[in-house]
C-alpha atoms as a PDB file:
ATOM      1  CA  MET A   1      -7.953  -1.177 -17.576  1.00  0.00           C
ATOM      2  CA  VAL A   2      -8.634  -1.432 -13.842  1.00  0.00           C
ATOM      3  CA  ASP A   3      -7.442  -5.059 -13.863  1.00  0.00           C
ATOM      4  CA  PHE A   4      -4.123  -4.005 -15.421  1.00  0.00           C
ATOM      5  CA  TRP A   5      -3.468  -1.364 -12.726  1.00  0.00           C
ATOM      6  CA  VAL A   6      -4.549  -3.773  -9.981  1.00  0.00           C
ATOM      7  CA  GLY A   7      -2.048  -6.319 -11.311  1.00  0.00           C
ATOM      8  CA  LEU A   8       0.742  -3.737 -11.247  1.00  0.00           C
ATOM      9  CA  TYR A   9      -0.344  -2.653  -7.763  1.00  0.00           C
ATOM     10  CA  LEU A  10      -0.007  -6.222  -6.505  1.00  0.00           C
ATOM     11  CA  ALA A  11       3.314  -6.680  -8.344  1.00  0.00           C
ATOM     12  CA  ALA A  12       4.757  -3.545  -6.708  1.00  0.00           C
ATOM     13  CA  LEU A  13       3.716  -4.839  -3.295  1.00  0.00           C
ATOM     14  CA  VAL A  14       5.259  -8.256  -3.888  1.00  0.00           C
ATOM     15  CA  SER A  15       8.479  -6.651  -5.184  1.00  0.00           C
ATOM     16  CA  LEU A  16       8.852  -4.915  -1.844  1.00  0.00           C
ATOM     17  CA  PHE A  17       9.501  -8.254  -0.124  1.00  0.00           C
ATOM     18  CA  PHE A  18      12.650  -8.712  -2.215  1.00  0.00           C
ATOM     19  CA  THR A  19      14.052  -5.247  -1.543  1.00  0.00           C
ATOM     20  CA  ALA A  20      17.121  -4.983   0.650  1.00  0.00           C
ATOM     21  CA  THR A  21      17.517  -1.217   1.117  1.00  0.00           C
ATOM     22  CA  VAL A  22      15.400   1.427   2.832  1.00  0.00           C
ATOM     23  CA  LYS A  23      15.374   3.793  -0.156  1.00  0.00           C
ATOM     24  CA  ARG A  24      14.119   1.094  -2.517  1.00  0.00           C
ATOM     25  CA  ALA A  25      11.395   0.213  -0.021  1.00  0.00           C
ATOM     26  CA  TYR A  26      10.279   3.846  -0.096  1.00  0.00           C
ATOM     27  CA  LEU A  27      10.406   3.854  -3.896  1.00  0.00           C
ATOM     28  CA  TRP A  28       8.331   0.659  -4.145  1.00  0.00           C
ATOM     29  CA  TYR A  29       5.812   2.236  -1.793  1.00  0.00           C
ATOM     30  CA  GLY A  30       5.680   5.217  -4.163  1.00  0.00           C
ATOM     31  CA  VAL A  31       5.116   2.937  -7.171  1.00  0.00           C
ATOM     32  CA  ASN A  32       2.411   1.077  -5.248  1.00  0.00           C
ATOM     33  CA  SER A  33       0.720   4.386  -4.430  1.00  0.00           C
ATOM     34  CA  LEU A  34       0.963   5.550  -8.043  1.00  0.00           C
ATOM     35  CA  MET A  35      -0.838   2.382  -9.139  1.00  0.00           C
ATOM     36  CA  LEU A  36      -3.475   3.029  -6.468  1.00  0.00           C
ATOM     37  CA  GLY A  37      -4.049   6.531  -7.824  1.00  0.00           C
ATOM     38  CA  LEU A  38      -4.342   5.181 -11.366  1.00  0.00           C
ATOM     39  CA  ILE A  39      -6.859   2.582 -10.133  1.00  0.00           C
ATOM     40  CA  ALA A  40      -8.971   5.372  -8.614  1.00  0.00           C
ATOM     41  CA  LEU A  41      -8.776   7.356 -11.864  1.00  0.00           C
ATOM     42  CA  SER A  42      -9.775   4.286 -13.898  1.00  0.00           C
ATOM     43  CA  VAL A  43     -12.793   3.688 -11.665  1.00  0.00           C
ATOM     44  CA  TRP A  44     -13.625   7.391 -12.031  1.00  0.00           C
ATOM     45  CA  GLN A  45     -13.686   6.964 -15.826  1.00  0.00           C
ATOM     46  CA  GLN A  46     -16.215   4.158 -15.435  1.00  0.00           C
ATOM     47  CA  THR A  47     -18.440   5.803 -12.805  1.00  0.00           C
ATOM     48  CA  ALA A  48     -17.919   9.553 -13.473  1.00  0.00           C
ATOM     49  CA  ASP A  49     -17.758  10.144  -9.698  1.00  0.00           C
ATOM     50  CA  MET A  50     -15.905  13.420  -9.098  1.00  0.00           C
ATOM     51  CA  ALA A  51     -14.862  12.310  -5.608  1.00  0.00           C
ATOM     52  CA  LEU A  52     -12.821   9.511  -7.206  1.00  0.00           C
ATOM     53  CA  LEU A  53     -11.142  11.982  -9.533  1.00  0.00           C
ATOM     54  CA  ILE A  54     -10.112  14.209  -6.634  1.00  0.00           C
ATOM     55  CA  SER A  55      -8.985  11.328  -4.431  1.00  0.00           C
ATOM     56  CA  GLY A  56      -7.091   9.741  -7.335  1.00  0.00           C
ATOM     57  CA  LEU A  57      -5.203  12.954  -8.035  1.00  0.00           C
ATOM     58  CA  ILE A  58      -4.477  13.498  -4.336  1.00  0.00           C
ATOM     59  CA  THR A  59      -3.230   9.905  -4.093  1.00  0.00           C
ATOM     60  CA  LEU A  60      -0.931  10.382  -7.082  1.00  0.00           C
ATOM     61  CA  LEU A  61       0.568  13.585  -5.731  1.00  0.00           C
ATOM     62  CA  LEU A  62       0.569  12.952  -1.998  1.00  0.00           C
ATOM     63  CA  LYS A  63       1.239   9.226  -1.689  1.00  0.00           C
ATOM     64  CA  GLY A  64       2.953   8.657  -5.007  1.00  0.00           C
ATOM     65  CA  PHE A  65       5.450  11.498  -4.830  1.00  0.00           C
ATOM     66  CA  LEU A  66       5.361  13.644  -1.681  1.00  0.00           C
ATOM     67  CA  ILE A  67       5.400  11.005   1.076  1.00  0.00           C
ATOM     68  CA  PRO A  68       8.151   8.822  -0.500  1.00  0.00           C
ATOM     69  CA  TRP A  69      10.226  11.965  -1.117  1.00  0.00           C
ATOM     70  CA  LEU A  70       9.769  13.082   2.509  1.00  0.00           C
ATOM     71  CA  LEU A  71      10.700   9.649   3.819  1.00  0.00           C
ATOM     72  CA  ILE A  72      13.811   9.447   1.634  1.00  0.00           C
ATOM     73  CA  ARG A  73      14.868  12.962   2.664  1.00  0.00           C
ATOM     74  CA  SER A  74      14.347  12.286   6.356  1.00  0.00           C
ATOM     75  CA  SER A  75      16.272   8.999   6.159  1.00  0.00           C
ATOM     76  CA  ASP A  76      19.171  10.771   4.421  1.00  0.00           C
ATOM     77  CA  TRP A  77      19.088  13.642   6.884  1.00  0.00           C
ATOM     78  CA  LEU A  78      19.099  11.289   9.869  1.00  0.00           C
ATOM     79  CA  GLY A  79      21.780   9.032   8.357  1.00  0.00           C
ATOM     80  CA  MET A  80      19.766   5.871   8.974  1.00  0.00           C
ATOM     81  CA  ARG A  81      21.071   2.379   8.370  1.00  0.00           C
ATOM     82  CA  ARG A  82      20.626   1.476   4.719  1.00  0.00           C
ATOM     83  CA  TYR A  83      19.957  -2.278   4.680  1.00  0.00           C
ATOM     84  CA  LEU A  84      16.799  -4.073   5.791  1.00  0.00           C
ATOM     85  CA  LYS A  85      16.816  -7.314   7.752  1.00  0.00           C
ATOM     86  CA  SER A  86      13.951  -9.763   7.483  1.00  0.00           C
ATOM     87  CA  SER A  87      13.083 -12.186  10.265  1.00  0.00           C
ATOM     88  CA  ILE A  88      11.575 -14.632   7.732  1.00  0.00           C
ATOM     89  CA  PRO A  89      13.957 -16.268   5.230  1.00  0.00           C
ATOM     90  CA  LEU A  90      13.419 -15.504   1.556  1.00  0.00           C
ATOM     91  CA  GLN A  91      12.445 -19.077   0.648  1.00  0.00           C
ATOM     92  CA  PHE A  92       9.556 -18.940   3.149  1.00  0.00           C
ATOM     93  CA  ASN A  93       8.371 -15.666   1.606  1.00  0.00           C
ATOM     94  CA  LEU A  94       8.342 -17.401  -1.773  1.00  0.00           C
ATOM     95  CA  LEU A  95       5.837 -19.848  -0.271  1.00  0.00           C
ATOM     96  CA  LEU A  96       3.834 -17.441   1.899  1.00  0.00           C
ATOM     97  CA  ILE A  97       3.114 -14.747  -0.701  1.00  0.00           C
ATOM     98  CA  PRO A  98       1.390 -17.015  -3.264  1.00  0.00           C
ATOM     99  CA  ALA A  99      -0.393 -18.865  -0.446  1.00  0.00           C
ATOM    100  CA  ILE A 100      -1.870 -15.597   0.837  1.00  0.00           C
ATOM    101  CA  VAL A 101      -2.964 -14.425  -2.628  1.00  0.00           C
ATOM    102  CA  VAL A 102      -4.447 -17.772  -3.687  1.00  0.00           C
ATOM    103  CA  GLY A 103      -6.025 -18.325  -0.262  1.00  0.00           C
ATOM    104  CA  SER A 104      -7.748 -14.929  -0.420  1.00  0.00           C
ATOM    105  CA  TRP A 105      -8.947 -15.716  -3.921  1.00  0.00           C
ATOM    106  CA  TYR A 106     -10.512 -19.004  -2.815  1.00  0.00           C
ATOM    107  CA  LEU A 107     -11.954 -17.377   0.296  1.00  0.00           C
ATOM    108  CA  PHE A 108     -13.904 -14.845  -1.768  1.00  0.00           C
ATOM    109  CA  SER A 109     -14.787 -17.045  -4.762  1.00  0.00           C
ATOM    110  CA  PRO A 110     -18.034 -18.347  -3.129  1.00  0.00           C
ATOM    111  CA  LEU A 111     -19.138 -14.709  -2.735  1.00  0.00           C
ATOM    112  CA  GLU A 112     -18.983 -14.105  -6.489  1.00  0.00           C
ATOM    113  CA  ALA A 113     -22.730 -14.724  -6.833  1.00  0.00           C
ATOM    114  CA  SER A 114     -23.568 -12.227  -4.085  1.00  0.00           C
ATOM    115  CA  PHE A 115     -21.127  -9.437  -4.905  1.00  0.00           C
ATOM    116  CA  GLY A 116     -20.686  -9.941  -8.629  1.00  0.00           C
ATOM    117  CA  GLY A 117     -17.434  -8.664 -10.130  1.00  0.00           C
ATOM    118  CA  THR A 118     -16.351  -6.891  -6.952  1.00  0.00           C
ATOM    119  CA  ALA A 119     -15.648 -10.186  -5.129  1.00  0.00           C
ATOM    120  CA  ARG A 120     -12.366 -10.644  -7.008  1.00  0.00           C
ATOM    121  CA  TYR A 121     -11.322  -7.090  -6.164  1.00  0.00           C
ATOM    122  CA  MET A 122     -12.225  -7.714  -2.528  1.00  0.00           C
ATOM    123  CA  ALA A 123     -10.044 -10.826  -2.614  1.00  0.00           C
ATOM    124  CA  ILE A 124      -7.087  -8.851  -3.976  1.00  0.00           C
ATOM    125  CA  ALA A 125      -7.608  -6.039  -1.454  1.00  0.00           C
ATOM    126  CA  VAL A 126      -7.718  -8.501   1.465  1.00  0.00           C
ATOM    127  CA  ALA A 127      -4.632 -10.276   0.084  1.00  0.00           C
ATOM    128  CA  THR A 128      -2.754  -6.963  -0.071  1.00  0.00           C
ATOM    129  CA  MET A 129      -3.807  -6.197   3.512  1.00  0.00           C
ATOM    130  CA  LEU A 130      -2.447  -9.532   4.671  1.00  0.00           C
ATOM    131  CA  LEU A 131       0.755  -9.009   2.681  1.00  0.00           C
ATOM    132  CA  ALA A 132       1.214  -5.556   4.235  1.00  0.00           C
ATOM    133  CA  LEU A 133       0.741  -7.073   7.694  1.00  0.00           C
ATOM    134  CA  LEU A 134       3.240  -9.811   6.855  1.00  0.00           C
ATOM    135  CA  TYR A 135       5.746  -7.183   5.722  1.00  0.00           C
ATOM    136  CA  MET A 136       5.292  -5.253   8.970  1.00  0.00           C
ATOM    137  CA  VAL A 137       5.794  -8.380  11.063  1.00  0.00           C
ATOM    138  CA  GLU A 138       8.791  -9.782   9.213  1.00  0.00           C
ATOM    139  CA  GLN A 139      10.890  -6.623   9.024  1.00  0.00           C
ATOM    140  CA  ARG A 140      13.076  -5.564  11.935  1.00  0.00           C
ATOM    141  CA  HIS A 141      13.912  -2.028  10.788  1.00  0.00           C
ATOM    142  CA  ILE A 142      11.549   0.765  11.868  1.00  0.00           C
ATOM    143  CA  ALA A 143      11.563   2.265   8.362  1.00  0.00           C
ATOM    144  CA  ALA A 144      10.248  -0.992   6.858  1.00  0.00           C
ATOM    145  CA  LYS A 145       7.544  -1.203   9.527  1.00  0.00           C
ATOM    146  CA  ILE A 146       6.505   2.320   8.552  1.00  0.00           C
ATOM    147  CA  VAL A 147       6.280   1.267   4.904  1.00  0.00           C
ATOM    148  CA  GLY A 148       4.160  -1.713   5.958  1.00  0.00           C
ATOM    149  CA  PHE A 149       1.792   0.617   7.826  1.00  0.00           C
ATOM    150  CA  LEU A 150       1.488   2.880   4.783  1.00  0.00           C
ATOM    151  CA  LEU A 151       0.853  -0.133   2.540  1.00  0.00           C
ATOM    152  CA  LEU A 152      -1.878  -1.290   4.895  1.00  0.00           C
ATOM    153  CA  GLU A 153      -3.555   2.094   4.480  1.00  0.00           C
ATOM    154  CA  ASN A 154      -3.200   1.743   0.695  1.00  0.00           C
ATOM    155  CA  SER A 155      -4.916  -1.645   0.867  1.00  0.00           C
ATOM    156  CA  LEU A 156      -7.840  -0.197   2.814  1.00  0.00           C
ATOM    157  CA  PHE A 157      -8.148   2.566   0.230  1.00  0.00           C
ATOM    158  CA  LEU A 158      -8.069  -0.067  -2.535  1.00  0.00           C
ATOM    159  CA  LEU A 159     -10.850  -2.022  -0.833  1.00  0.00           C
ATOM    160  CA  GLY A 160     -12.999   1.084  -0.475  1.00  0.00           C
ATOM    161  CA  THR A 161     -12.398   2.156  -4.059  1.00  0.00           C
ATOM    162  CA  LEU A 162     -12.981  -1.159  -5.808  1.00  0.00           C
ATOM    163  CA  ALA A 163     -15.587  -2.826  -3.613  1.00  0.00           C
ATOM    164  CA  THR A 164     -17.889   0.183  -3.354  1.00  0.00           C
ATOM    165  CA  SER A 165     -16.848   2.080  -6.512  1.00  0.00           C
ATOM    166  CA  GLY A 166     -15.625   4.926  -4.353  1.00  0.00           C
ATOM    167  CA  MET A 167     -15.953   6.159  -0.793  1.00  0.00           C
ATOM    168  CA  PRO A 168     -17.621   9.413   0.232  1.00  0.00           C
ATOM    169  CA  MET A 169     -15.286  12.369  -0.239  1.00  0.00           C
ATOM    170  CA  LEU A 170     -15.461  13.342   3.444  1.00  0.00           C
ATOM    171  CA  VAL A 171     -14.149   9.909   4.442  1.00  0.00           C
ATOM    172  CA  GLU A 172     -11.315  10.120   1.904  1.00  0.00           C
ATOM    173  CA  LEU A 173     -10.241  13.564   3.072  1.00  0.00           C
ATOM    174  CA  GLY A 174     -10.294  12.316   6.669  1.00  0.00           C
ATOM    175  CA  VAL A 175      -8.066   9.399   5.671  1.00  0.00           C
ATOM    176  CA  PHE A 176      -5.609  11.732   3.919  1.00  0.00           C
ATOM    177  CA  PHE A 177      -5.498  14.004   6.983  1.00  0.00           C
ATOM    178  CA  ASP A 178      -4.867  10.988   9.227  1.00  0.00           C
ATOM    179  CA  LEU A 179      -2.120   9.858   6.863  1.00  0.00           C
ATOM    180  CA  LEU A 180      -0.385  13.232   7.051  1.00  0.00           C
ATOM    181  CA  MET A 181      -0.529  13.089  10.852  1.00  0.00           C
ATOM    182  CA  ALA A 182       0.900   9.564  10.700  1.00  0.00           C
ATOM    183  CA  VAL A 183       3.799  10.790   8.545  1.00  0.00           C
ATOM    184  CA  LEU A 184       4.589  13.435  11.168  1.00  0.00           C
ATOM    185  CA  VAL A 185       4.607  10.773  13.884  1.00  0.00           C
ATOM    186  CA  ILE A 186       6.735   8.573  11.631  1.00  0.00           C
ATOM    187  CA  ASN A 187       9.343  11.326  11.319  1.00  0.00           C
ATOM    188  CA  ILE A 188       9.514  11.513  15.122  1.00  0.00           C
ATOM    189  CA  LEU A 189      10.000   7.733  15.283  1.00  0.00           C
ATOM    190  CA  LEU A 190      12.721   7.874  12.649  1.00  0.00           C
ATOM    191  CA  ARG A 191      14.540  10.558  14.638  1.00  0.00           C
ATOM    192  CA  GLN A 192      14.372   8.488  17.799  1.00  0.00           C
ATOM    193  CA  GLU A 193      15.651   5.412  15.920  1.00  0.00           C
ATOM    194  CA  ALA A 194      18.550   7.418  14.477  1.00  0.00           C
ATOM    195  CA  ASN A 195      19.482   8.877  17.861  1.00  0.00           C
ATOM    196  CA  ALA A 196      19.351   5.502  19.641  1.00  0.00           C
END
């Protein structure tokens, strides 16, 4: 079941590259975060680690619903520009995205003997990190760069969840606290962008 949610997680991230509006970018981030929470809950079912249950539920509520809702509300309240502009043409994205995913897969395939089944999850997590970085670099709008930053954090959480079958709860709570602080800073940036 974990493989199914990981596939949907990657599909939601790739779909973001073909989104033209700010609200849809926020919604795709929410879908990506929902898949991340379901991945954590699926790993919890396999390992019975209560920290994964708590972090999965927090991810579903906080990243899947609350943060996208806050971002959509703040964008509406500030009256931000609705359409995203990419600095990389769409046809190049159609080449770069599969190259990143396949390249990460081949990079980690020799490690299969050392890491076992987690090497493929590490490959997907690294690919999603690179895709989030690509999204941050290619987008010109501050709101899309914010989504790229949040997706990068999701990818790090995915790596910690799948490669190690869960991080210590103290680390996860620290990450969630840092994410909430980042959302506050993001709101300040959005206000400055709207006023400029």
